[in-house]
Amino acid sequence: MVTPFPGGVGISGLRVYDWPAVDGVCGGSPHVHLACSEAYYVIAGTGSVQTLTRSAFVETPLSEGVVAWFTPGTIHRLVNDGDLRIIVIMQNSGLPEAGDAVFTFPSEVLADSVRYAECARADDEESARKRRDLALEGFLELRRGKPAALESFYRAAVRLKQDGLDAWEKRWREGALASAERTGEHLERLRDGDIGHLVEADVQVTHGKGPRLGMCGRLDVF
């Protein structure tokens, strides 16, 4: 049996795309997560993460040693100023890379689930660039728009993901929730002087699968 990763989180290694975009910067595809928080630990290079919420558009500098994180609903775009490499830490056993992500495509794409799915695919570098550029088009529209435009985007994103919510809940229950409950069981054992879980200690090792073309860069998925 494989021991679950601590806290029921997921991790990936990320080398942010260095492809130039229409606004003159290099980076990944703007997108949002609906149920999960995400954190970045920068291990090399420089860049920034552009974020858009109802409060404001913000650009947070990233350099080696910086840790930045954000909550669901934060539209984010990674910008690569030079060899930006990141360890990504994700809630719910890596759900942000397993369904909980919606690209900021223009509204007419978001309104058509079939077209959205086609545009969201990235089978090669060319299609990944097209996906990034289409998401950037919608992102720039949202930056120029009013709060109502952002709310419309959120509603469209939620409609797109309705069919996946049961699977997301299952992943949460078997991952993060189970991990928290296991800690509670351990505390009860310790109060009773029970060392059962200590004598069952083990060590696990895994290796990345990749790289593959992710939303923001080349991913080593664990």
Protein backbone atom coordinates (compact mmCIF):
# COMPACT_ATOMS: atom_id res chain seq x y z
CA MET A 1 0.00 0.00 0.00
CA VAL A 2 1.30 3.46 -0.92
CA THR A 3 1.27 5.90 1.98
CA PRO A 4 -0.55 9.12 0.94
CA PHE A 5 1.54 12.25 0.41
CA PRO A 6 1.48 14.53 3.50
CA GLY A 7 -1.68 16.59 3.90
CA GLY A 8 -3.39 15.12 0.87
CA VAL A 9 -1.73 17.69 -1.40
CA GLY A 10 -0.15 17.29 -4.82
CA ILE A 11 3.16 18.61 -6.17
CA SER A 12 4.58 19.20 -9.62
CA GLY A 13 7.81 20.58 -11.02
CA LEU A 14 7.23 23.43 -13.48
CA ARG A 15 9.49 25.12 -16.03
CA VAL A 16 7.49 28.14 -17.14
CA TYR A 17 7.13 28.64 -20.89
CA ASP A 18 9.50 31.15 -22.47
CA TRP A 19 7.23 31.76 -25.45
CA PRO A 20 6.60 35.47 -26.16
CA ALA A 21 2.96 36.59 -26.17
CA VAL A 22 1.10 39.40 -27.90
CA ASP A 23 1.63 41.77 -24.96
CA GLY A 24 5.40 41.37 -25.18
CA VAL A 25 6.03 39.06 -22.22
CA CYS A 26 6.78 35.35 -22.01
CA GLY A 27 4.75 32.91 -19.96
CA GLY A 28 1.85 30.55 -19.52
CA SER A 29 -1.90 30.38 -19.99
CA PRO A 30 -4.12 32.46 -17.68
CA HIS A 31 -6.64 30.27 -15.86
CA VAL A 32 -8.57 29.86 -12.61
CA HIS A 33 -9.25 27.10 -10.09
CA LEU A 34 -12.76 26.80 -8.68
CA ALA A 35 -12.23 24.65 -5.57
CA CYS A 36 -8.51 24.57 -4.81
CA SER A 37 -5.79 26.82 -3.46
CA GLU A 38 -2.36 26.64 -5.07
CA ALA A 39 1.14 27.64 -3.94
CA TYR A 40 4.38 28.37 -5.79
CA TYR A 41 7.85 27.77 -4.35
CA VAL A 42 10.39 29.33 -6.71
CA ILE A 43 13.56 27.25 -7.05
CA ALA A 44 15.30 29.15 -9.88
CA GLY A 45 15.03 32.09 -12.25
CA THR A 46 12.92 35.22 -12.16
CA GLY A 47 9.48 36.30 -13.27
CA SER A 48 6.12 37.14 -11.76
CA VAL A 49 2.60 35.90 -11.29
CA GLN A 50 -0.14 38.17 -12.58
CA THR A 51 -3.39 37.76 -10.65
CA LEU A 52 -6.86 39.11 -11.23
CA THR A 53 -9.63 39.12 -8.62
CA ARG A 54 -12.61 41.33 -7.97
CA SER A 55 -10.34 43.46 -5.79
CA ALA A 56 -7.58 44.23 -8.29
CA PHE A 57 -5.05 43.19 -10.89
CA VAL A 58 -1.71 42.53 -9.17
CA GLU A 59 1.72 41.48 -10.40
CA THR A 60 3.79 39.69 -7.75
CA PRO A 61 7.55 39.35 -8.42
CA LEU A 62 8.98 35.83 -8.24
CA SER A 63 12.60 34.90 -7.60
CA GLU A 64 14.47 32.03 -5.99
CA GLY A 65 13.19 31.33 -2.48
CA VAL A 66 9.86 33.15 -2.82
CA VAL A 67 6.68 31.32 -1.82
CA ALA A 68 3.37 32.72 -3.08
CA TRP A 69 -0.12 31.24 -2.86
CA PHE A 70 -3.69 32.13 -3.72
CA THR A 71 -7.24 30.94 -3.15
CA PRO A 72 -9.94 29.64 -5.53
CA GLY A 73 -11.25 32.28 -7.91
CA THR A 74 -7.87 33.94 -8.40
CA ILE A 75 -7.20 34.17 -12.14
CA HIS A 76 -3.45 33.75 -12.54
CA ARG A 77 -0.82 33.93 -15.26
CA LEU A 78 2.86 33.10 -14.83
CA VAL A 79 5.39 35.40 -16.53
CA ASN A 80 8.91 34.14 -17.23
CA ASP A 81 11.67 36.76 -17.19
CA GLY A 82 14.43 34.17 -17.23
CA ASP A 83 14.56 30.40 -16.58
CA LEU A 84 11.66 30.52 -14.07
CA ARG A 85 11.30 27.16 -12.34
CA ILE A 86 8.77 26.40 -9.64
CA ILE A 87 7.56 23.64 -7.36
CA VAL A 88 3.76 23.84 -7.45
CA ILE A 89 1.85 22.68 -4.36
CA MET A 90 -1.85 21.98 -4.89
CA GLN A 91 -4.80 21.17 -2.69
CA ASN A 92 -6.77 17.94 -3.02
CA SER A 93 -4.15 15.55 -4.38
CA GLY A 94 -3.28 17.71 -7.37
CA LEU A 95 -6.87 18.42 -8.45
CA PRO A 96 -5.84 21.72 -10.13
CA GLU A 97 -4.06 19.61 -12.75
CA ALA A 98 -6.79 16.94 -12.78
CA GLY A 99 -9.87 18.95 -13.68
CA ASP A 100 -10.11 22.02 -11.44
CA ALA A 101 -8.91 24.56 -13.98
CA VAL A 102 -10.72 26.80 -16.46
CA PHE A 103 -8.86 28.83 -19.07
CA THR A 104 -9.80 32.47 -19.55
CA PHE A 105 -10.95 31.93 -23.13
CA PRO A 106 -13.24 34.57 -24.69
CA SER A 107 -16.88 34.36 -23.61
CA GLU A 108 -18.11 32.78 -26.87
CA VAL A 109 -15.73 29.82 -26.29
CA LEU A 110 -16.73 29.44 -22.64
CA ALA A 111 -20.38 29.28 -23.68
CA ASP A 112 -19.82 26.18 -25.86
CA SER A 113 -18.55 23.15 -23.92
CA VAL A 114 -17.53 21.25 -27.05
CA ARG A 115 -15.56 24.16 -28.45
CA TYR A 116 -14.02 24.82 -25.04
CA ALA A 117 -12.79 21.22 -24.81
CA GLU A 118 -11.27 21.45 -28.28
CA CYS A 119 -9.47 24.70 -27.48
CA ALA A 120 -8.22 23.38 -24.12
CA ARG A 121 -6.37 20.43 -25.65
CA ALA A 122 -2.62 20.64 -26.16
CA ASP A 123 -1.22 17.69 -28.07
CA ASP A 124 1.95 19.48 -29.19
CA GLU A 125 3.81 22.74 -28.74
CA GLU A 126 1.88 24.52 -31.49
CA SER A 127 -1.51 23.72 -29.95
CA ALA A 128 -0.22 24.67 -26.47
CA ARG A 129 0.84 28.08 -27.83
CA LYS A 130 -2.55 28.59 -29.48
CA ARG A 131 -4.28 27.65 -26.23
CA ARG A 132 -2.12 30.12 -24.30
CA ASP A 133 -2.78 32.93 -26.79
CA LEU A 134 -6.54 32.32 -26.76
CA ALA A 135 -6.58 32.35 -22.95
CA LEU A 136 -4.54 35.56 -22.97
CA GLU A 137 -7.09 37.17 -25.30
CA GLY A 138 -9.86 36.52 -22.78
CA PHE A 139 -7.62 37.50 -19.86
CA LEU A 140 -6.86 40.90 -21.36
CA GLU A 141 -10.58 41.43 -21.96
CA LEU A 142 -11.28 40.66 -18.29
CA ARG A 143 -8.56 43.08 -17.17
CA ARG A 144 -10.19 45.86 -19.18
CA GLY A 145 -13.71 44.91 -18.13
CA LYS A 146 -15.88 45.76 -15.16
CA PRO A 147 -16.55 43.52 -12.12
CA ALA A 148 -19.66 42.20 -13.89
CA ALA A 149 -17.42 40.72 -16.60
CA LEU A 150 -15.44 38.80 -14.00
CA GLU A 151 -18.62 37.48 -12.40
CA SER A 152 -19.88 36.36 -15.82
CA PHE A 153 -16.60 34.50 -16.34
CA TYR A 154 -16.96 32.74 -12.97
CA ARG A 155 -20.51 31.66 -13.79
CA ALA A 156 -19.46 30.33 -17.19
CA ALA A 157 -16.55 28.46 -15.58
CA VAL A 158 -18.83 26.82 -13.02
CA ARG A 159 -21.26 25.71 -15.74
CA LEU A 160 -18.41 24.08 -17.64
CA LYS A 161 -17.34 22.00 -14.64
CA GLN A 162 -20.70 20.85 -13.24
CA ASP A 163 -20.31 17.28 -14.49
CA GLY A 164 -17.01 16.85 -12.67
CA LEU A 165 -18.00 17.93 -9.17
CA ASP A 166 -18.86 14.43 -7.91
CA ALA A 167 -15.42 13.18 -8.92
CA TRP A 168 -13.81 16.20 -7.25
CA GLU A 169 -15.66 15.48 -4.02
CA LYS A 170 -14.51 11.84 -4.11
CA ARG A 171 -10.90 12.97 -4.58
CA TRP A 172 -11.22 15.39 -1.64
CA ARG A 173 -12.79 12.77 0.65
CA GLU A 174 -10.16 10.15 -0.17
CA GLY A 175 -7.29 12.65 0.01
CA ALA A 176 -7.33 15.82 2.12
CA LEU A 177 -10.29 14.87 4.33
CA ALA A 178 -8.97 11.37 4.98
CA SER A 179 -5.54 12.81 5.79
CA ALA A 180 -7.00 15.22 8.36
CA GLU A 181 -9.09 12.48 9.93
CA ARG A 182 -6.02 10.20 10.12
CA THR A 183 -4.21 12.87 12.14
CA GLY A 184 -7.15 12.98 14.53
CA GLU A 185 -6.93 9.21 14.96
CA HIS A 186 -3.20 9.47 15.66
CA LEU A 187 -3.79 12.10 18.34
CA GLU A 188 -6.36 9.90 20.04
CA ARG A 189 -3.92 6.99 20.01
CA LEU A 190 -1.19 9.17 21.52
CA ARG A 191 -3.52 10.27 24.32
CA ASP A 192 -4.12 6.59 25.10
CA GLY A 193 -0.42 5.74 24.95
CA ASP A 194 -1.04 3.61 21.84
CA ILE A 195 2.10 3.29 19.64
CA GLY A 196 0.43 1.22 16.93
CA HIS A 197 0.83 3.73 14.11
CA LEU A 198 4.46 4.38 15.08
CA VAL A 199 5.57 0.77 14.71
CA GLU A 200 3.91 0.73 11.26
CA ALA A 201 6.16 3.56 10.00
CA ASP A 202 7.37 3.39 6.40
CA VAL A 203 9.13 5.42 3.69
CA GLN A 204 7.90 6.16 0.17
CA VAL A 205 9.75 7.43 -2.91
CA THR A 206 8.33 8.49 -6.25
CA HIS A 207 9.62 9.94 -9.51
CA GLY A 208 8.16 12.53 -11.84
CA LYS A 209 6.23 11.59 -14.95
CA GLY A 210 6.98 13.98 -17.73
CA PRO A 211 7.68 16.46 -18.90
CA ARG A 212 4.33 17.25 -20.49
CA LEU A 213 2.83 20.45 -21.80
CA GLY A 214 0.96 21.99 -18.88
CA MET A 215 -1.07 25.16 -18.57
CA CYS A 216 1.87 27.36 -17.55
CA GLY A 217 4.90 25.39 -18.68
CA ARG A 218 6.54 22.02 -18.98
CA LEU A 219 5.41 19.84 -16.09
CA ASP A 220 7.01 17.01 -14.20
CA VAL A 221 3.94 15.47 -12.57
CA PHE A 222 4.19 13.39 -9.39
